[in-house]
N, C-alpha and C. Protein backbone atom coordinates (compact mmCIF):
# COMPACT_ATOMS: atom_id res chain seq x y z
N UNK A 1 18.08 -49.00 -8.26
CA UNK A 1 18.92 -49.50 -9.58
C UNK A 1 19.92 -48.13 -9.50
N UNK A 2 21.01 -48.22 -9.56
CA UNK A 2 22.09 -46.93 -9.95
C UNK A 2 22.55 -47.16 -11.40
N UNK A 3 22.72 -46.33 -12.27
CA UNK A 3 23.07 -46.06 -13.49
C UNK A 3 24.58 -45.82 -13.37
N UNK A 4 24.88 -46.58 -14.43
CA UNK A 4 26.53 -46.90 -14.56
C UNK A 4 27.19 -45.45 -15.13
N UNK A 5 28.33 -45.51 -15.44
CA UNK A 5 28.98 -44.15 -15.70
C UNK A 5 28.31 -44.11 -17.56
N UNK A 6 28.72 -42.87 -18.12
CA UNK A 6 28.53 -42.82 -19.17
C UNK A 6 29.16 -43.67 -20.70
N UNK A 7 28.60 -44.20 -21.05
CA UNK A 7 29.20 -45.21 -21.96
C UNK A 7 30.30 -44.44 -23.01
N UNK A 8 30.10 -43.35 -23.21
CA UNK A 8 30.94 -42.65 -23.98
C UNK A 8 32.06 -41.73 -23.60
N UNK A 9 31.69 -41.01 -22.78
CA UNK A 9 32.87 -40.21 -22.16
C UNK A 9 33.36 -40.55 -20.44
N UNK A 10 32.47 -41.65 -19.66
CA UNK A 10 32.53 -42.06 -18.60
C UNK A 10 32.22 -41.07 -17.44
N UNK A 11 31.66 -40.05 -17.55
CA UNK A 11 30.91 -39.16 -16.76
C UNK A 11 30.11 -39.98 -15.74
N UNK A 12 30.19 -39.76 -14.35
CA UNK A 12 29.76 -40.50 -13.35
C UNK A 12 28.36 -39.94 -12.97
N UNK A 13 27.91 -39.38 -13.55
CA UNK A 13 26.42 -38.54 -12.61
C UNK A 13 25.72 -38.43 -13.66
N UNK A 14 24.94 -39.41 -14.51
CA UNK A 14 23.76 -38.72 -15.62
C UNK A 14 22.70 -38.58 -14.91
N UNK A 15 21.67 -37.82 -15.39
CA UNK A 15 20.46 -37.50 -14.68
C UNK A 15 19.20 -37.63 -15.50
N UNK A 16 18.09 -37.94 -14.66
CA UNK A 16 16.90 -38.28 -15.39
C UNK A 16 16.20 -36.89 -15.93
N UNK A 17 15.79 -37.19 -17.03
CA UNK A 17 14.77 -36.33 -17.74
C UNK A 17 13.67 -36.93 -18.19
N UNK A 18 12.73 -36.07 -18.67
CA UNK A 18 11.35 -36.61 -18.86
C UNK A 18 10.88 -35.98 -19.86
N UNK A 19 9.85 -36.68 -21.15
CA UNK A 19 9.51 -35.84 -22.19
C UNK A 19 7.87 -36.80 -22.45
N UNK A 20 7.32 -35.96 -23.18
CA UNK A 20 5.94 -36.68 -23.53
C UNK A 20 6.01 -37.22 -24.98
N UNK A 21 5.39 -38.33 -25.24
CA UNK A 21 5.44 -38.83 -26.46
C UNK A 21 4.00 -39.34 -26.56
N UNK A 22 2.87 -38.78 -27.60
CA UNK A 22 1.48 -39.27 -27.46
C UNK A 22 0.86 -39.14 -26.46
N UNK A 23 1.52 -38.10 -25.50
CA UNK A 23 0.28 -37.74 -24.29
C UNK A 23 1.01 -38.86 -23.05
N UNK A 24 2.03 -39.59 -23.41
CA UNK A 24 2.80 -40.55 -22.31
C UNK A 24 3.96 -39.95 -22.00
N UNK A 25 4.13 -39.85 -20.61
CA UNK A 25 5.46 -39.28 -20.15
C UNK A 25 6.63 -40.67 -19.99
N UNK A 26 7.57 -40.46 -20.67
CA UNK A 26 8.80 -41.49 -20.65
C UNK A 26 9.82 -40.56 -20.18
N UNK A 27 11.08 -41.60 -19.45
CA UNK A 27 12.26 -40.91 -18.61
C UNK A 27 13.33 -41.48 -19.54
N UNK A 28 14.43 -40.85 -19.59
CA UNK A 28 15.50 -40.98 -20.20
C UNK A 28 16.74 -40.27 -18.99
N UNK A 29 17.71 -41.06 -19.43
CA UNK A 29 19.00 -40.34 -18.75
C UNK A 29 19.85 -39.52 -19.55
N UNK A 30 20.29 -38.39 -19.42
CA UNK A 30 21.30 -37.78 -19.89
C UNK A 30 22.70 -37.69 -19.31
N UNK A 31 23.68 -37.57 -19.99
CA UNK A 31 25.06 -37.23 -19.41
C UNK A 31 25.37 -35.68 -19.38
N UNK A 32 25.38 -34.94 -18.43
CA UNK A 32 25.48 -33.86 -18.66
C UNK A 32 26.96 -33.16 -18.90
N UNK A 33 27.99 -34.35 -19.28
CA UNK A 33 29.20 -34.09 -19.70
C UNK A 33 29.26 -33.76 -21.27
N UNK A 34 28.50 -34.85 -21.85
CA UNK A 34 28.91 -35.05 -23.22
C UNK A 34 27.27 -35.05 -24.00
N UNK A 35 26.38 -34.91 -23.08
CA UNK A 35 25.02 -35.03 -23.49
C UNK A 35 24.32 -35.96 -24.13
N UNK A 36 24.96 -37.25 -24.12
CA UNK A 36 24.33 -38.04 -24.89
C UNK A 36 23.14 -38.43 -24.21
N UNK A 37 21.97 -38.89 -24.69
CA UNK A 37 20.95 -39.39 -24.11
C UNK A 37 20.48 -41.18 -24.37
N UNK A 38 20.07 -41.66 -23.15
CA UNK A 38 19.64 -42.91 -23.00
C UNK A 38 18.50 -43.24 -23.80
N UNK A 39 18.30 -44.61 -23.86
CA UNK A 39 16.69 -45.07 -24.19
C UNK A 39 15.72 -44.81 -23.14
N UNK A 40 14.39 -44.42 -23.69
CA UNK A 40 13.50 -43.88 -22.82
C UNK A 40 12.95 -45.18 -22.16
N UNK A 41 12.00 -45.04 -21.22
CA UNK A 41 11.28 -46.20 -20.54
C UNK A 41 10.41 -45.42 -19.77
N UNK A 42 9.44 -46.22 -19.59
CA UNK A 42 7.82 -45.64 -18.85
C UNK A 42 8.31 -45.31 -17.43
N UNK A 43 9.29 -45.95 -16.79
CA UNK A 43 9.54 -45.51 -15.52
C UNK A 43 11.39 -45.34 -15.25
N UNK A 44 11.58 -44.47 -14.34
CA UNK A 44 12.72 -44.32 -14.21
C UNK A 44 13.65 -45.59 -14.17
N UNK A 45 13.22 -46.55 -13.64
CA UNK A 45 13.94 -48.00 -13.53
C UNK A 45 13.88 -48.45 -15.11
N UNK A 46 13.31 -48.37 -15.70
CA UNK A 46 13.26 -49.19 -17.32
C UNK A 46 14.20 -48.09 -17.87
N UNK A 47 14.45 -46.78 -17.57
CA UNK A 47 15.23 -45.87 -18.25
C UNK A 47 16.69 -46.48 -17.78
N UNK A 48 16.73 -46.62 -16.63
CA UNK A 48 18.18 -47.11 -15.82
C UNK A 48 18.43 -48.22 -16.68
N UNK A 49 17.63 -49.13 -16.66
CA UNK A 49 18.38 -50.54 -17.29
C UNK A 49 18.08 -50.37 -18.86
N UNK A 50 18.07 -49.41 -19.60
CA UNK A 50 18.37 -49.26 -20.73
C UNK A 50 19.44 -48.63 -20.97
N UNK A 51 19.94 -47.61 -20.18
CA UNK A 51 20.89 -47.05 -20.00
C UNK A 51 21.98 -47.90 -19.82
N UNK A 52 21.86 -49.06 -18.77
CA UNK A 52 23.12 -49.72 -18.27
C UNK A 52 23.33 -50.65 -19.09
N UNK A 53 22.38 -51.10 -20.09
CA UNK A 53 22.55 -51.97 -21.35
C UNK A 53 23.49 -51.40 -22.57
N UNK A 54 23.54 -50.37 -22.82
CA UNK A 54 24.24 -49.44 -23.88
C UNK A 54 25.58 -49.72 -23.90
N UNK A 55 25.95 -49.86 -25.13
CA UNK A 55 27.47 -50.16 -25.58
C UNK A 55 27.51 -48.85 -26.43
N UNK A 56 29.14 -48.26 -26.10
CA UNK A 56 29.38 -47.39 -26.52
C UNK A 56 29.55 -47.58 -28.31
């Protein structure tokens, strides 16, 4: 699944990042242009699905 453009600035190349929450690694997408962050997911696919559902 491909990530859509940033819902805020339209940048077309968000990247995956990860963090640990309570010992669990979660993933999210970040826009390198405006630095907005998407919702977290247990997998990159879940993170992408959350990013693609976002509204500006």
